[in-house]
Amino acid sequence: TMNKKTSSRGEEEASGTRNETLGESSCLGEAKRGQVIRVAYVIAALDLTFLFMQIGVIPYIAKSLGLDSVGFGYLQTIFGVLQLMGGYIFGRFADQFGARTALVLSCVSGSIFFLLMSLSTSIPILFLSRLPGVFMHGIPGAQKVITDMTSPSQRADALGKLGFCFGVGIIAGSALGGVLSTKFGIYVPAYVGLVGSIINTLIAIIFIPSQTKPESDQHVAEHSTSQSGSLFSISEILRLMKFPGVKEVFIVKVFAGFPIGLFMIMFSIISMDFFGLEAVQSGYLMSYFGILQMVVQGLVIGKLSSHCTEMTLLRLSVFVFAGVGLGMALMRTVWEYCIISVPLVFAFSLLATITDSLLTKAVPSSDTGAMLGICASVQPLTRTVGPTIGGILYKQFGVSSFGCLQLMINLGLFVYLLKSKIPLGKMKS
């Protein structure tokens, strides 16, 4: 009970002073905050461009070193596990040492990652190059900056625009990786990623202020309800899940997009076997996804968030996801998939943005980094268990099984959201 009272008091201090402080001229003016947020977008876009650039060439580097498909699967799994382990630790690090320090850590880790990748003349060094991935969390770092610099009413729109950066990363990274590796050699994208990550580090040091939280939130952080100073603590995760609405929203975040996550992990195989696409055509399809992502998150979600409540948008994303599941269960051609991709990208983007916004509002400002870290671990978790589960589903039941699973899970979640009384009114606002 004492912990609950302390947690409640921390929430009230944060909620009672945050909007007021953000509205006043604090250590950072409105124009300065806007500039910092734009810099965070630039860092995220560059980070994702370099990431997708290496995703395109790493299979060719692995093949040139004599790594078979099983070994390559281990390489990908290791990276997924490291990202899963590092997500929450990175978030706690950001809470304790600040968003700028966390972003610099991510960019420096990226530099080491690409340096080792450029030196990968043997399989052991290639595996070693995955290790810095434990702290490569550019998107959560940018989310932390945006969360600190925006009021709760602005947050969904600001976080949604990060999806635009994601689209830029998919298109630019895939194209650059292909052109550079084809014309200049398979290691050149790693050299470009190394130089780019160093530049990103300098941008973060120069343009992101050491303190991104408003003064009131710095005061709340000093009186944090956190009971552990360590970077990883199961008890801290459980404590965050006890805040009103957090557990319910997080359950929806994890399960609503899980079947689609499995499908996307298996997409390289599905595109060849089921759709009969060649590598170039698959690249065009990825660019199409990137454009959809840019349009939806850059233009649509911000307008929706200003006209609808976040709970309404959460229900909408789950309902659309259920429809996507039905469409995927019935689809037979790549053109049908292109049509289904429109509501798929809409629902996926809306779910990610709204759940991140809700969850960061539900916890005290001193814990937003940890909460974003937990959210960032959802995708690596899917990447870790996905190849096994997705492989079984595809082999035993075919492509339609992903759609059926998507439909059933999201219909259940939609009924759950309609009937359950998620205490959003008590969430920090």
Protein backbone atom coordinates (compact mmCIF):
# COMPACT_ATOMS: atom_id res chain seq x y z
CA THR A 1 0.00 0.00 0.00
CA MET A 2 2.90 2.34 0.80
CA ASN A 3 4.33 1.64 -2.68
CA LYS A 4 0.97 2.36 -4.28
CA LYS A 5 0.68 5.65 -2.41
CA THR A 6 4.22 6.61 -3.44
CA SER A 7 3.51 5.65 -7.06
CA SER A 8 0.27 7.62 -7.03
CA ARG A 9 2.03 10.65 -5.55
CA GLY A 10 4.73 10.41 -8.26
CA GLU A 11 2.04 10.27 -10.95
CA GLU A 12 0.19 13.25 -9.53
CA GLU A 13 3.36 15.35 -9.31
CA ALA A 14 4.20 14.53 -12.93
CA SER A 15 0.71 15.04 -14.31
CA GLY A 16 0.00 18.15 -12.30
CA THR A 17 3.09 20.04 -13.42
CA ARG A 18 4.02 18.65 -16.83
CA ASN A 19 1.55 20.47 -19.07
CA GLU A 20 2.01 23.66 -17.06
CA THR A 21 5.80 23.52 -17.36
CA LEU A 22 5.76 22.65 -21.03
CA GLY A 23 3.47 25.60 -21.63
CA GLU A 24 5.78 28.04 -19.88
CA SER A 25 9.19 29.17 -21.01
CA SER A 26 11.47 26.69 -19.25
CA CYS A 27 15.14 25.99 -19.95
CA LEU A 28 14.08 25.18 -23.50
CA GLY A 29 11.75 27.41 -25.49
CA GLU A 30 9.06 26.16 -27.84
CA ALA A 31 11.18 26.78 -30.94
CA LYS A 32 14.16 25.04 -29.36
CA ARG A 33 12.05 21.99 -28.47
CA GLY A 34 10.77 21.80 -32.05
CA GLN A 35 14.34 21.93 -33.35
CA VAL A 36 15.47 19.15 -31.00
CA ILE A 37 12.54 16.95 -32.05
CA ARG A 38 13.43 17.49 -35.74
CA VAL A 39 17.03 16.49 -34.98
CA ALA A 40 15.70 13.32 -33.31
CA TYR A 41 13.79 12.54 -36.52
CA VAL A 42 16.98 13.01 -38.57
CA ILE A 43 18.98 10.71 -36.28
CA ALA A 44 16.23 8.06 -36.45
CA ALA A 45 15.98 8.27 -40.26
CA LEU A 46 19.75 7.91 -40.70
CA ASP A 47 19.93 5.09 -38.16
CA LEU A 48 17.19 3.14 -39.94
CA THR A 49 18.75 3.80 -43.36
CA PHE A 50 22.04 2.25 -42.23
CA LEU A 51 20.21 -0.65 -40.56
CA PHE A 52 18.20 -1.56 -43.68
CA MET A 53 21.32 -1.09 -45.79
CA GLN A 54 23.11 -3.86 -43.88
CA ILE A 55 20.02 -6.08 -43.81
CA GLY A 56 20.17 -6.19 -47.61
CA VAL A 57 23.87 -7.11 -47.85
CA ILE A 58 24.46 -9.32 -44.79
CA PRO A 59 23.16 -12.49 -46.57
CA TYR A 60 25.73 -11.96 -49.33
CA ILE A 61 28.58 -11.38 -46.86
CA ALA A 62 27.55 -14.52 -44.96
CA LYS A 63 27.41 -16.53 -48.20
CA SER A 64 30.83 -15.27 -49.34
CA LEU A 65 32.30 -16.49 -46.02
CA GLY A 66 30.77 -19.94 -46.50
CA LEU A 67 27.94 -19.66 -43.97
CA ASP A 68 25.01 -21.95 -44.85
CA SER A 69 21.31 -21.19 -44.33
CA VAL A 70 21.25 -22.80 -40.88
CA GLY A 71 24.26 -20.76 -39.76
CA PHE A 72 22.68 -17.61 -41.16
CA GLY A 73 19.55 -18.39 -39.13
CA TYR A 74 21.69 -18.59 -35.99
CA LEU A 75 23.28 -15.24 -36.90
CA GLN A 76 19.85 -13.59 -37.18
CA THR A 77 18.58 -15.23 -33.99
CA ILE A 78 21.60 -14.00 -32.01
CA PHE A 79 20.95 -10.44 -33.19
CA GLY A 80 17.27 -10.75 -32.23
CA VAL A 81 18.12 -12.08 -28.75
CA LEU A 82 20.65 -9.28 -28.16
CA GLN A 83 18.10 -6.65 -29.20
CA LEU A 84 15.50 -8.30 -26.94
CA MET A 85 17.88 -8.27 -23.96
CA GLY A 86 19.07 -4.73 -24.61
CA GLY A 87 15.71 -2.99 -25.14
CA TYR A 88 14.70 -2.67 -21.50
CA ILE A 89 18.30 -2.08 -20.32
CA PHE A 90 18.64 0.75 -22.85
CA GLY A 91 15.37 2.31 -21.63
CA ARG A 92 16.50 2.20 -17.99
CA PHE A 93 19.85 3.67 -19.04
CA ALA A 94 18.00 6.56 -20.74
CA ASP A 95 15.96 7.21 -17.57
CA GLN A 96 19.06 7.27 -15.36
CA PHE A 97 21.56 9.07 -17.61
CA GLY A 98 19.37 11.08 -20.01
CA ALA A 99 18.11 10.75 -23.56
CA ARG A 100 21.20 12.33 -25.17
CA THR A 101 23.60 9.93 -23.44
CA ALA A 102 21.41 7.00 -24.50
CA LEU A 103 21.29 8.19 -28.12
CA VAL A 104 25.07 8.62 -28.17
CA LEU A 105 25.45 5.09 -26.77
CA SER A 106 23.22 3.76 -29.57
CA CYS A 107 25.17 5.62 -32.29
CA VAL A 108 28.57 4.56 -30.90
CA SER A 109 27.34 0.95 -30.74
CA GLY A 110 26.26 1.30 -34.38
CA SER A 111 29.73 2.55 -35.30
CA ILE A 112 31.37 -0.47 -33.63
CA PHE A 113 28.80 -2.75 -35.29
CA PHE A 114 29.65 -1.49 -38.80
CA LEU A 115 33.39 -1.44 -38.05
CA LEU A 116 33.36 -5.13 -37.10
CA MET A 117 31.09 -5.90 -40.06
CA SER A 118 33.56 -4.20 -42.45
CA LEU A 119 36.36 -6.33 -40.96
CA SER A 120 34.37 -9.60 -41.21
CA THR A 121 36.80 -11.74 -43.17
CA SER A 122 35.82 -14.84 -41.21
CA ILE A 123 32.63 -16.31 -39.74
CA PRO A 124 33.66 -15.74 -36.05
CA ILE A 125 34.20 -12.00 -36.69
CA LEU A 126 30.83 -11.83 -38.48
CA PHE A 127 29.14 -13.29 -35.39
CA LEU A 128 31.17 -10.94 -33.19
CA SER A 129 29.85 -7.97 -35.19
CA ARG A 130 26.35 -8.71 -33.88
CA LEU A 131 27.30 -8.07 -30.23
CA PRO A 132 27.02 -4.23 -30.31
CA GLY A 133 23.38 -4.79 -31.37
CA VAL A 134 22.50 -5.07 -27.67
CA PHE A 135 22.70 -1.25 -27.42
CA MET A 136 21.64 -0.29 -30.96
CA HIS A 137 18.26 1.29 -30.22
CA GLY A 138 18.04 4.46 -32.28
CA ILE A 139 14.23 4.48 -32.48
CA PRO A 140 13.65 4.08 -28.71
CA GLY A 141 16.31 6.77 -28.15
CA ALA A 142 14.48 9.16 -30.48
CA GLN A 143 11.16 8.20 -28.86
CA LYS A 144 12.61 9.07 -25.46
CA VAL A 145 13.67 12.53 -26.69
CA ILE A 146 10.22 13.14 -28.21
CA THR A 147 8.43 11.88 -25.08
CA ASP A 148 10.48 14.21 -22.88
CA MET A 149 9.96 17.22 -25.16
CA THR A 150 6.21 16.95 -25.83
CA SER A 151 3.07 17.31 -23.77
CA PRO A 152 0.75 14.26 -23.59
CA SER A 153 -1.70 15.88 -26.04
CA GLN A 154 1.06 16.32 -28.66
CA ARG A 155 2.73 12.97 -28.14
CA ALA A 156 0.77 10.63 -30.43
CA ASP A 157 1.24 12.97 -33.40
CA ALA A 158 4.95 13.46 -32.69
CA LEU A 159 5.61 9.75 -32.17
CA GLY A 160 3.57 8.94 -35.29
CA LYS A 161 5.91 10.99 -37.46
CA LEU A 162 8.72 8.60 -36.54
CA GLY A 163 6.99 6.16 -38.88
CA PHE A 164 7.83 8.56 -41.70
CA CYS A 165 11.48 8.07 -40.76
CA PHE A 166 10.89 4.32 -40.87
CA GLY A 167 9.58 4.60 -44.44
CA VAL A 168 12.59 6.71 -45.43
CA GLY A 169 14.89 4.08 -43.89
CA ILE A 170 13.27 1.19 -45.77
CA ILE A 171 13.39 2.93 -49.16
CA ALA A 172 16.77 4.68 -48.89
CA GLY A 173 18.49 1.83 -47.03
CA SER A 174 17.32 -0.91 -49.37
CA ALA A 175 18.20 1.13 -52.47
CA LEU A 176 21.59 2.28 -51.17
CA GLY A 177 22.54 -1.20 -49.98
CA GLY A 178 21.73 -2.68 -53.39
CA VAL A 179 23.50 0.00 -55.45
CA LEU A 180 26.63 0.22 -53.28
CA SER A 181 27.11 -3.54 -52.99
CA THR A 182 26.52 -4.13 -56.71
CA LYS A 183 28.74 -1.34 -58.03
CA PHE A 184 31.50 -1.11 -55.42
CA GLY A 185 31.50 -4.37 -53.43
CA ILE A 186 29.55 -6.06 -50.64
CA TYR A 187 31.59 -4.42 -47.84
CA VAL A 188 31.08 -0.83 -49.02
CA PRO A 189 27.65 -0.45 -47.29
CA ALA A 190 29.43 -1.34 -44.02
CA TYR A 191 31.98 1.45 -44.62
CA VAL A 192 29.16 3.91 -45.35
CA GLY A 193 27.29 2.74 -42.23
CA LEU A 194 30.44 3.26 -40.13
CA VAL A 195 30.97 6.83 -41.35
CA GLY A 196 27.25 7.59 -41.10
CA SER A 197 27.02 6.29 -37.51
CA ILE A 198 29.97 8.46 -36.48
CA ILE A 199 28.21 11.48 -38.04
CA ASN A 200 25.02 10.51 -36.19
CA THR A 201 27.00 10.40 -32.93
CA LEU A 202 28.28 13.93 -33.52
CA ILE A 203 24.77 15.19 -34.39
CA ALA A 204 23.43 13.77 -31.10
CA ILE A 205 26.26 15.31 -29.05
CA ILE A 206 25.99 18.75 -30.67
CA PHE A 207 22.24 19.23 -31.16
CA ILE A 208 20.52 17.20 -28.41
CA PRO A 209 20.63 19.01 -25.02
CA SER A 210 21.99 17.15 -22.00
CA GLN A 211 18.63 17.60 -20.24
CA THR A 212 15.55 16.95 -22.36
CA LYS A 213 13.02 16.71 -19.53
CA PRO A 214 11.19 19.83 -18.28
CA GLU A 215 12.41 21.07 -14.91
CA SER A 216 9.31 19.73 -13.15
CA ASP A 217 9.97 16.24 -14.49
CA GLN A 218 13.61 16.42 -13.44
CA HIS A 219 12.30 17.10 -9.91
CA VAL A 220 9.96 14.09 -10.15
CA ALA A 221 12.84 11.94 -11.47
CA GLU A 222 14.85 12.80 -8.38
CA HIS A 223 11.96 11.47 -6.27
CA SER A 224 11.36 8.52 -8.59
CA THR A 225 9.15 5.66 -7.46
CA SER A 226 11.78 3.26 -8.81
CA GLN A 227 13.02 0.94 -6.07
CA SER A 228 16.07 -0.36 -7.95
CA GLY A 229 19.12 1.46 -9.26
CA SER A 230 20.20 -1.44 -11.49
CA LEU A 231 19.77 -1.30 -15.26
CA PHE A 232 17.90 -4.61 -15.35
CA SER A 233 15.34 -5.58 -12.74
CA ILE A 234 12.37 -7.93 -13.08
CA SER A 235 10.75 -6.25 -10.08
CA GLU A 236 10.92 -2.89 -11.92
CA ILE A 237 9.18 -4.37 -14.96
CA LEU A 238 6.46 -5.83 -12.74
CA ARG A 239 6.14 -2.46 -10.96
CA LEU A 240 5.53 -0.67 -14.26
CA MET A 241 2.91 -3.25 -15.24
CA LYS A 242 0.95 -2.43 -12.08
CA PHE A 243 0.21 1.16 -13.12
CA PRO A 244 -3.43 1.63 -14.20
CA GLY A 245 -4.02 0.52 -17.78
CA VAL A 246 -0.44 -0.54 -18.54
CA LYS A 247 -0.91 -4.32 -18.42
CA GLU A 248 -4.09 -4.22 -20.54
CA VAL A 249 -2.63 -1.96 -23.25
CA PHE A 250 0.64 -3.93 -23.33
CA ILE A 251 -1.25 -7.21 -23.85
CA VAL A 252 -2.98 -5.69 -26.88
CA LYS A 253 0.36 -4.34 -28.19
CA VAL A 254 2.05 -7.76 -27.99
CA PHE A 255 -0.68 -10.00 -29.39
CA ALA A 256 -2.50 -7.83 -31.98
CA GLY A 257 0.42 -7.68 -34.40
CA PHE A 258 2.08 -11.01 -33.53
CA PRO A 259 0.66 -13.09 -36.45
CA ILE A 260 1.57 -10.32 -38.93
CA GLY A 261 5.06 -10.27 -37.39
CA LEU A 262 5.37 -14.01 -38.06
CA PHE A 263 4.23 -13.48 -41.66
CA MET A 264 6.78 -10.69 -42.24
CA ILE A 265 9.60 -12.85 -40.86
CA MET A 266 8.68 -15.58 -43.37
CA PHE A 267 8.03 -13.08 -46.17
CA SER A 268 11.30 -13.67 -48.04
CA ILE A 269 10.35 -17.35 -48.42
CA ILE A 270 6.66 -16.63 -49.07
CA SER A 271 7.51 -14.07 -51.77
CA MET A 272 9.52 -16.72 -53.65
CA ASP A 273 7.41 -19.84 -53.05
CA PHE A 274 3.85 -18.49 -52.82
CA PHE A 275 3.95 -15.32 -54.93
CA GLY A 276 6.74 -16.42 -57.28
CA LEU A 277 8.61 -13.10 -57.07
CA GLU A 278 12.22 -12.51 -58.02
CA ALA A 279 14.65 -10.53 -55.85
CA VAL A 280 14.12 -7.30 -57.80
CA GLN A 281 10.33 -7.57 -57.54
CA SER A 282 10.60 -8.20 -53.78
CA GLY A 283 12.66 -5.01 -53.54
CA TYR A 284 9.92 -3.06 -55.32
CA LEU A 285 7.38 -4.49 -52.87
CA MET A 286 9.51 -3.37 -49.89
CA SER A 287 9.69 0.14 -51.39
CA TYR A 288 5.88 0.09 -51.73
CA PHE A 289 5.62 -0.75 -48.01
CA GLY A 290 7.98 2.12 -47.22
CA ILE A 291 5.87 4.62 -49.16
CA LEU A 292 2.69 3.40 -47.44
CA GLN A 293 4.37 3.75 -44.05
CA MET A 294 5.48 7.30 -44.83
CA VAL A 295 2.01 8.35 -45.96
CA VAL A 296 0.13 6.70 -43.09
CA GLN A 297 2.39 7.80 -40.22
CA GLY A 298 3.43 11.12 -41.67
CA LEU A 299 0.00 12.34 -42.79
CA VAL A 300 -2.86 10.20 -41.48
CA ILE A 301 -2.18 9.27 -37.85
CA GLY A 302 -1.49 12.83 -36.68
CA LYS A 303 -4.86 14.04 -38.00
CA LEU A 304 -6.71 11.06 -36.53
CA SER A 305 -5.10 11.57 -33.11
CA SER A 306 -6.32 15.18 -33.03
CA HIS A 307 -9.95 14.19 -33.77
CA CYS A 308 -10.39 10.87 -31.92
CA THR A 309 -9.60 9.59 -28.45
CA GLU A 310 -6.66 7.20 -28.17
CA MET A 311 -8.94 4.43 -26.86
CA THR A 312 -11.12 4.77 -29.98
CA LEU A 313 -8.03 4.57 -32.19
CA LEU A 314 -6.77 1.50 -30.30
CA ARG A 315 -10.09 -0.28 -30.92
CA LEU A 316 -9.99 0.84 -34.57
CA SER A 317 -6.50 -0.60 -35.12
CA VAL A 318 -7.50 -3.97 -33.66
CA PHE A 319 -10.72 -4.07 -35.71
CA VAL A 320 -8.84 -3.27 -38.94
CA PHE A 321 -6.26 -5.91 -38.04
CA ALA A 322 -9.07 -8.48 -37.82
CA GLY A 323 -10.22 -7.48 -41.32
CA VAL A 324 -6.64 -7.78 -42.57
CA GLY A 325 -6.54 -11.31 -41.15
CA LEU A 326 -9.65 -12.24 -43.13
CA GLY A 327 -8.15 -10.78 -46.30
CA MET A 328 -4.87 -12.66 -45.80
CA ALA A 329 -6.71 -15.93 -45.24
CA LEU A 330 -8.42 -15.49 -48.63
CA MET A 331 -5.60 -13.92 -50.72
CA ARG A 332 -4.02 -15.86 -53.58
CA THR A 333 -1.99 -13.34 -55.65
CA VAL A 334 0.60 -10.65 -55.01
CA TRP A 335 -1.83 -8.00 -56.32
CA GLU A 336 -4.36 -8.99 -53.66
CA TYR A 337 -1.58 -8.69 -51.09
CA CYS A 338 -0.76 -5.17 -52.34
CA ILE A 339 -4.40 -4.17 -51.71
CA ILE A 340 -4.41 -5.80 -48.25
CA SER A 341 -1.14 -4.02 -47.43
CA VAL A 342 -2.92 -0.65 -47.24
CA PRO A 343 -5.10 -1.49 -44.19
CA LEU A 344 -2.27 -3.69 -42.85
CA VAL A 345 0.23 -0.81 -42.72
CA PHE A 346 -2.48 1.52 -41.37
CA ALA A 347 -3.38 -0.82 -38.51
CA PHE A 348 0.23 -1.73 -37.73
CA SER A 349 1.34 1.92 -37.62
CA LEU A 350 -1.70 3.05 -35.63
CA LEU A 351 -1.30 0.26 -33.07
CA ALA A 352 2.41 0.99 -32.53
CA THR A 353 1.94 4.75 -32.19
CA ILE A 354 -1.14 4.71 -29.95
CA THR A 355 0.13 2.00 -27.59
CA ASP A 356 3.50 3.75 -27.19
CA SER A 357 1.70 7.03 -26.48
CA LEU A 358 -0.71 5.48 -23.98
CA LEU A 359 1.99 3.52 -22.16
CA THR A 360 4.33 6.50 -21.74
CA LYS A 361 1.44 8.55 -20.35
CA ALA A 362 0.51 5.77 -17.94
CA VAL A 363 3.82 5.82 -16.04
CA PRO A 364 5.67 8.64 -14.25
CA SER A 365 8.02 10.68 -16.44
CA SER A 366 10.99 9.15 -14.60
CA ASP A 367 10.04 5.76 -16.06
CA THR A 368 9.19 6.63 -19.69
CA GLY A 369 12.55 5.35 -20.96
CA ALA A 370 12.07 1.98 -19.27
CA MET A 371 8.53 1.76 -20.67
CA LEU A 372 9.75 2.57 -24.20
CA GLY A 373 12.48 -0.04 -23.75
CA ILE A 374 9.90 -2.67 -22.86
CA CYS A 375 7.85 -1.65 -25.92
CA ALA A 376 10.97 -1.87 -28.10
CA SER A 377 11.51 -5.47 -26.96
CA VAL A 378 8.26 -6.65 -28.56
CA GLN A 379 9.65 -6.73 -32.12
CA PRO A 380 12.93 -8.52 -31.20
CA LEU A 381 10.87 -11.07 -29.26
CA THR A 382 8.88 -11.76 -32.43
CA ARG A 383 12.11 -12.02 -34.45
CA THR A 384 13.53 -14.48 -31.91
CA VAL A 385 10.63 -16.94 -31.70
CA GLY A 386 9.16 -16.08 -35.11
CA PRO A 387 11.32 -18.21 -37.44
CA THR A 388 10.40 -21.42 -35.58
CA ILE A 389 6.67 -20.72 -35.14
CA GLY A 390 6.32 -19.11 -38.58
CA GLY A 391 8.14 -22.01 -40.25
CA ILE A 392 5.83 -24.56 -38.65
CA LEU A 393 2.69 -22.59 -39.59
CA TYR A 394 3.82 -22.13 -43.20
CA LYS A 395 4.97 -25.71 -43.69
CA GLN A 396 2.00 -27.39 -42.02
CA PHE A 397 -0.92 -25.08 -42.86
CA GLY A 398 0.17 -22.68 -45.62
CA VAL A 399 -0.01 -18.90 -45.98
CA SER A 400 -3.71 -18.72 -45.06
CA SER A 401 -2.86 -19.89 -41.51
CA PHE A 402 -1.26 -16.49 -40.74
CA GLY A 403 -4.49 -14.75 -41.76
CA CYS A 404 -6.70 -17.10 -39.76
CA LEU A 405 -4.55 -16.63 -36.65
CA GLN A 406 -4.60 -12.86 -37.16
CA LEU A 407 -8.40 -12.84 -37.49
CA MET A 408 -9.04 -14.98 -34.40
CA ILE A 409 -6.63 -13.15 -32.10
CA ASN A 410 -7.83 -9.67 -33.06
CA LEU A 411 -11.52 -10.54 -32.86
CA GLY A 412 -10.83 -11.74 -29.32
CA LEU A 413 -8.89 -8.57 -28.50
CA PHE A 414 -11.61 -6.36 -29.98
CA VAL A 415 -14.26 -7.99 -27.75
CA TYR A 416 -11.84 -7.65 -24.81
CA LEU A 417 -11.40 -3.91 -25.48
CA LEU A 418 -15.16 -3.39 -25.78
CA LYS A 419 -16.00 -5.20 -22.55
CA SER A 420 -13.03 -4.35 -20.32
CA LYS A 421 -12.86 -1.08 -18.43
CA ILE A 422 -9.25 -0.03 -18.97
CA PRO A 423 -8.68 2.74 -16.40
CA LEU A 424 -7.48 5.33 -18.90
CA GLY A 425 -9.01 8.08 -16.84
CA LYS A 426 -6.46 7.37 -14.13
CA MET A 427 -3.56 7.28 -16.54
CA LYS A 428 -1.15 10.21 -16.43
CA SER A 429 -2.35 12.97 -18.75
